[in-house]
PDB file of N, CA and C in Angstrom:
ATOM      1  N   MET A   1      -6.251   5.462 -13.594  1.00  0.00           N
ATOM      2  CA  MET A   1      -7.001   4.237 -13.531  1.00  0.00           C
ATOM      3  C   MET A   1      -7.211   3.800 -12.080  1.00  0.00           C
ATOM      4  N   LEU A   2      -6.169   3.885 -11.259  1.00  0.00           N
ATOM      5  CA  LEU A   2      -6.317   3.463  -9.868  1.00  0.00           C
ATOM      6  C   LEU A   2      -7.253   4.373  -9.087  1.00  0.00           C
ATOM      7  N   SER A   3      -7.344   5.643  -9.472  1.00  0.00           N
ATOM      8  CA  SER A   3      -8.235   6.552  -8.754  1.00  0.00           C
ATOM      9  C   SER A   3      -9.694   6.136  -8.887  1.00  0.00           C
ATOM     10  N   ARG A   4     -10.019   5.350  -9.877  1.00  0.00           N
ATOM     11  CA  ARG A   4     -11.392   4.866 -10.044  1.00  0.00           C
ATOM     12  C   ARG A   4     -11.786   3.870  -8.958  1.00  0.00           C
ATOM     13  N   THR A   5     -10.818   3.309  -8.261  1.00  0.00           N
ATOM     14  CA  THR A   5     -11.116   2.339  -7.208  1.00  0.00           C
ATOM     15  C   THR A   5     -11.499   3.012  -5.894  1.00  0.00           C
ATOM     16  N   ILE A   6     -11.279   4.328  -5.780  1.00  0.00           N
ATOM     17  CA  ILE A   6     -11.621   5.058  -4.555  1.00  0.00           C
ATOM     18  C   ILE A   6     -13.123   5.307  -4.543  1.00  0.00           C
ATOM     19  N   ILE A   7     -13.789   4.762  -3.514  1.00  0.00           N
ATOM     20  CA  ILE A   7     -15.240   4.931  -3.436  1.00  0.00           C
ATOM     21  C   ILE A   7     -15.639   5.871  -2.299  1.00  0.00           C
ATOM     22  N   GLY A   8     -14.665   6.302  -1.494  1.00  0.00           N
ATOM     23  CA  GLY A   8     -14.949   7.241  -0.424  1.00  0.00           C
ATOM     24  C   GLY A   8     -13.668   7.771   0.173  1.00  0.00           C
ATOM     25  N   GLN A   9     -13.763   8.945   0.802  1.00  0.00           N
ATOM     26  CA  GLN A   9     -12.597   9.507   1.461  1.00  0.00           C
ATOM     27  C   GLN A   9     -13.048  10.491   2.513  1.00  0.00           C
ATOM     28  N   LYS A  10     -12.201  10.648   3.556  1.00  0.00           N
ATOM     29  CA  LYS A  10     -12.458  11.668   4.564  1.00  0.00           C
ATOM     30  C   LYS A  10     -11.125  12.166   5.100  1.00  0.00           C
ATOM     31  N   VAL A  11     -11.119  13.393   5.536  1.00  0.00           N
ATOM     32  CA  VAL A  11      -9.921  13.990   6.112  1.00  0.00           C
ATOM     33  C   VAL A  11      -9.865  13.606   7.583  1.00  0.00           C
ATOM     34  N   LEU A  12      -8.741  13.037   8.010  1.00  0.00           N
ATOM     35  CA  LEU A  12      -8.577  12.618   9.398  1.00  0.00           C
ATOM     36  C   LEU A  12      -7.935  13.703  10.260  1.00  0.00           C
ATOM     37  N   ALA A  13      -7.010  14.457   9.674  1.00  0.00           N
ATOM     38  CA  ALA A  13      -6.299  15.469  10.457  1.00  0.00           C
ATOM     39  C   ALA A  13      -5.706  16.532   9.544  1.00  0.00           C
ATOM     40  N   PHE A  14      -5.480  17.683  10.085  1.00  0.00           N
ATOM     41  CA  PHE A  14      -4.814  18.800   9.405  1.00  0.00           C
ATOM     42  C   PHE A  14      -5.562  19.243   8.149  1.00  0.00           C
ATOM     43  N   ASP A  15      -6.862  19.434   8.288  1.00  0.00           N
ATOM     44  CA  ASP A  15      -7.706  19.846   7.168  1.00  0.00           C
ATOM     45  C   ASP A  15      -7.216  21.149   6.534  1.00  0.00           C
ATOM     46  N   ASP A  16      -6.633  22.032   7.342  1.00  0.00           N
ATOM     47  CA  ASP A  16      -6.162  23.320   6.836  1.00  0.00           C
ATOM     48  C   ASP A  16      -4.979  23.195   5.874  1.00  0.00           C
ATOM     49  N   LEU A  17      -4.366  22.021   5.787  1.00  0.00           N
ATOM     50  CA  LEU A  17      -3.218  21.826   4.893  1.00  0.00           C
ATOM     51  C   LEU A  17      -3.628  21.424   3.479  1.00  0.00           C
ATOM     52  N   GLY A  18      -4.906  21.285   3.253  1.00  0.00           N
ATOM     53  CA  GLY A  18      -5.387  20.939   1.910  1.00  0.00           C
ATOM     54  C   GLY A  18      -4.914  19.563   1.472  1.00  0.00           C
ATOM     55  N   PRO A  19      -4.217  19.486   0.319  1.00  0.00           N
ATOM     56  CA  PRO A  19      -3.795  18.184  -0.194  1.00  0.00           C
ATOM     57  C   PRO A  19      -2.756  17.475   0.678  1.00  0.00           C
ATOM     58  N   GLU A  20      -2.129  18.199   1.598  1.00  0.00           N
ATOM     59  CA  GLU A  20      -1.142  17.588   2.486  1.00  0.00           C
ATOM     60  C   GLU A  20      -1.763  17.100   3.787  1.00  0.00           C
ATOM     61  N   ALA A  21      -3.081  17.224   3.920  1.00  0.00           N
ATOM     62  CA  ALA A  21      -3.778  16.715   5.100  1.00  0.00           C
ATOM     63  C   ALA A  21      -3.701  15.193   5.117  1.00  0.00           C
ATOM     64  N   ILE A  22      -4.034  14.610   6.242  1.00  0.00           N
ATOM     65  CA  ILE A  22      -4.040  13.147   6.341  1.00  0.00           C
ATOM     66  C   ILE A  22      -5.433  12.663   5.970  1.00  0.00           C
ATOM     67  N   HIS A  23      -5.500  11.856   4.927  1.00  0.00           N
ATOM     68  CA  HIS A  23      -6.768  11.371   4.394  1.00  0.00           C
ATOM     69  C   HIS A  23      -6.932   9.875   4.653  1.00  0.00           C
ATOM     70  N   GLU A  24      -8.178   9.436   4.755  1.00  0.00           N
ATOM     71  CA  GLU A  24      -8.501   8.015   4.782  1.00  0.00           C
ATOM     72  C   GLU A  24      -9.316   7.723   3.532  1.00  0.00           C
ATOM     73  N   PHE A  25      -8.868   6.754   2.749  1.00  0.00           N
ATOM     74  CA  PHE A  25      -9.562   6.392   1.515  1.00  0.00           C
ATOM     75  C   PHE A  25     -10.218   5.027   1.671  1.00  0.00           C
ATOM     76  N   THR A  26     -11.418   4.898   1.150  1.00  0.00           N
ATOM     77  CA  THR A  26     -12.094   3.613   1.062  1.00  0.00           C
ATOM     78  C   THR A  26     -12.008   3.184  -0.389  1.00  0.00           C
ATOM     79  N   VAL A  27     -11.451   1.998  -0.630  1.00  0.00           N
ATOM     80  CA  VAL A  27     -11.236   1.545  -2.005  1.00  0.00           C
ATOM     81  C   VAL A  27     -11.928   0.207  -2.250  1.00  0.00           C
ATOM     82  N   LYS A  28     -12.196  -0.065  -3.510  1.00  0.00           N
ATOM     83  CA  LYS A  28     -12.807  -1.335  -3.903  1.00  0.00           C
ATOM     84  C   LYS A  28     -12.052  -1.863  -5.114  1.00  0.00           C
ATOM     85  N   ASP A  29     -11.667  -3.125  -5.057  1.00  0.00           N
ATOM     86  CA  ASP A  29     -10.961  -3.790  -6.160  1.00  0.00           C
ATOM     87  C   ASP A  29      -9.641  -3.104  -6.511  1.00  0.00           C
ATOM     88  N   LEU A  30      -8.893  -2.702  -5.505  1.00  0.00           N
ATOM     89  CA  LEU A  30      -7.582  -2.092  -5.727  1.00  0.00           C
ATOM     90  C   LEU A  30      -6.543  -3.196  -5.847  1.00  0.00           C
ATOM     91  N   PRO A  31      -5.857  -3.287  -6.988  1.00  0.00           N
ATOM     92  CA  PRO A  31      -4.844  -4.333  -7.145  1.00  0.00           C
ATOM     93  C   PRO A  31      -3.576  -3.981  -6.355  1.00  0.00           C
ATOM     94  N   VAL A  32      -3.207  -4.845  -5.411  1.00  0.00           N
ATOM     95  CA  VAL A  32      -2.014  -4.611  -4.594  1.00  0.00           C
ATOM     96  C   VAL A  32      -1.243  -5.906  -4.408  1.00  0.00           C
ATOM     97  N   ILE A  33       0.011  -5.761  -4.042  1.00  0.00           N
ATOM     98  CA  ILE A  33       0.844  -6.894  -3.667  1.00  0.00           C
ATOM     99  C   ILE A  33       1.308  -6.635  -2.240  1.00  0.00           C
ATOM    100  N   VAL A  34       1.029  -7.560  -1.334  1.00  0.00           N
ATOM    101  CA  VAL A  34       1.434  -7.419   0.057  1.00  0.00           C
ATOM    102  C   VAL A  34       2.829  -8.020   0.199  1.00  0.00           C
ATOM    103  N   LEU A  35       3.773  -7.203   0.650  1.00  0.00           N
ATOM    104  CA  LEU A  35       5.150  -7.667   0.755  1.00  0.00           C
ATOM    105  C   LEU A  35       5.505  -8.212   2.136  1.00  0.00           C
ATOM    106  N   ILE A  36       4.812  -7.750   3.174  1.00  0.00           N
ATOM    107  CA  ILE A  36       5.086  -8.246   4.520  1.00  0.00           C
ATOM    108  C   ILE A  36       3.774  -8.761   5.089  1.00  0.00           C
ATOM    109  N   ASP A  37       3.760 -10.028   5.504  1.00  0.00           N
ATOM    110  CA  ASP A  37       2.519 -10.610   6.021  1.00  0.00           C
ATOM    111  C   ASP A  37       2.404 -10.387   7.530  1.00  0.00           C
ATOM    112  N   VAL A  38       1.338 -10.896   8.127  1.00  0.00           N
ATOM    113  CA  VAL A  38       1.074 -10.679   9.547  1.00  0.00           C
ATOM    114  C   VAL A  38       2.104 -11.331  10.458  1.00  0.00           C
ATOM    115  N   LYS A  39       2.888 -12.266   9.934  1.00  0.00           N
ATOM    116  CA  LYS A  39       3.927 -12.921  10.722  1.00  0.00           C
ATOM    117  C   LYS A  39       5.274 -12.232  10.561  1.00  0.00           C
ATOM    118  N   GLY A  40       5.319 -11.129   9.792  1.00  0.00           N
ATOM    119  CA  GLY A  40       6.548 -10.379   9.619  1.00  0.00           C
ATOM    120  C   GLY A  40       7.462 -10.908   8.536  1.00  0.00           C
ATOM    121  N   ARG A  41       6.998 -11.908   7.781  1.00  0.00           N
ATOM    122  CA  ARG A  41       7.820 -12.440   6.688  1.00  0.00           C
ATOM    123  C   ARG A  41       7.820 -11.443   5.538  1.00  0.00           C
ATOM    124  N   ASP A  42       8.982 -11.206   4.977  1.00  0.00           N
ATOM    125  CA  ASP A  42       9.163 -10.243   3.897  1.00  0.00           C
ATOM    126  C   ASP A  42       9.190 -10.985   2.565  1.00  0.00           C
ATOM    127  N   PHE A  43       8.106 -10.911   1.815  1.00  0.00           N
ATOM    128  CA  PHE A  43       7.989 -11.608   0.538  1.00  0.00           C
ATOM    129  C   PHE A  43       9.068 -11.157  -0.443  1.00  0.00           C
ATOM    130  N   TYR A  44       9.367  -9.867  -0.456  1.00  0.00           N
ATOM    131  CA  TYR A  44      10.389  -9.340  -1.359  1.00  0.00           C
ATOM    132  C   TYR A  44      11.749  -9.963  -1.064  1.00  0.00           C
ATOM    133  N   GLN A  45      12.114 -10.000   0.209  1.00  0.00           N
ATOM    134  CA  GLN A  45      13.409 -10.567   0.595  1.00  0.00           C
ATOM    135  C   GLN A  45      13.468 -12.066   0.306  1.00  0.00           C
ATOM    136  N   GLU A  46      12.397 -12.787   0.626  1.00  0.00           N
ATOM    137  CA  GLU A  46      12.376 -14.233   0.387  1.00  0.00           C
ATOM    138  C   GLU A  46      12.454 -14.553  -1.105  1.00  0.00           C
ATOM    139  N   SER A  47      11.784 -13.769  -1.923  1.00  0.00           N
ATOM    140  CA  SER A  47      11.793 -14.007  -3.369  1.00  0.00           C
ATOM    141  C   SER A  47      13.168 -13.758  -3.958  1.00  0.00           C
ATOM    142  N   GLN A  48      13.835 -12.713  -3.500  1.00  0.00           N
ATOM    143  CA  GLN A  48      15.180 -12.424  -4.007  1.00  0.00           C
ATOM    144  C   GLN A  48      16.135 -13.570  -3.678  1.00  0.00           C
ATOM    145  N   SER A  49      16.078 -14.064  -2.456  1.00  0.00           N
ATOM    146  CA  SER A  49      17.027 -15.109  -2.055  1.00  0.00           C
ATOM    147  C   SER A  49      16.763 -16.419  -2.805  1.00  0.00           C
ATOM    148  N   ARG A  50      15.535 -16.649  -3.222  1.00  0.00           N
ATOM    149  CA  ARG A  50      15.210 -17.857  -3.988  1.00  0.00           C
ATOM    150  C   ARG A  50      15.910 -17.889  -5.346  1.00  0.00           C
ATOM    151  N   TYR A  51      16.044 -16.713  -5.950  1.00  0.00           N
ATOM    152  CA  TYR A  51      16.575 -16.643  -7.312  1.00  0.00           C
ATOM    153  C   TYR A  51      18.018 -16.176  -7.374  1.00  0.00           C
ATOM    154  N   ARG A  52      18.603 -15.821  -6.244  1.00  0.00           N
ATOM    155  CA  ARG A  52      19.993 -15.351  -6.223  1.00  0.00           C
ATOM    156  C   ARG A  52      20.914 -16.552  -6.370  1.00  0.00           C
ATOM    157  N   THR A  53      21.922 -16.423  -7.197  1.00  0.00           N
ATOM    158  CA  THR A  53      22.908 -17.496  -7.366  1.00  0.00           C
ATOM    159  C   THR A  53      24.270 -17.005  -6.892  1.00  0.00           C
ATOM    160  N   THR A  54      25.068 -17.916  -6.410  1.00  0.00           N
ATOM    161  CA  THR A  54      26.418 -17.589  -5.950  1.00  0.00           C
ATOM    162  C   THR A  54      27.397 -17.973  -7.053  1.00  0.00           C
ATOM    163  N   ARG A  55      28.302 -17.085  -7.350  1.00  0.00           N
ATOM    164  CA  ARG A  55      29.302 -17.355  -8.389  1.00  0.00           C
ATOM    165  C   ARG A  55      30.654 -17.547  -7.783  1.00  0.00           C
TER     166      ARG A  55
END
């Protein structure tokens, strides 16, 4: 299902390696969750500490 969001791709380096080459993908409507924002805040870490309780 996610592969349907890829609308373009090109090989950036190591074309001779086939599937292990470095690729650049252009995607549209790819559902993602960003865990670290531009200020370096870690959403995963902050969310865990919000719900962690001390016993």
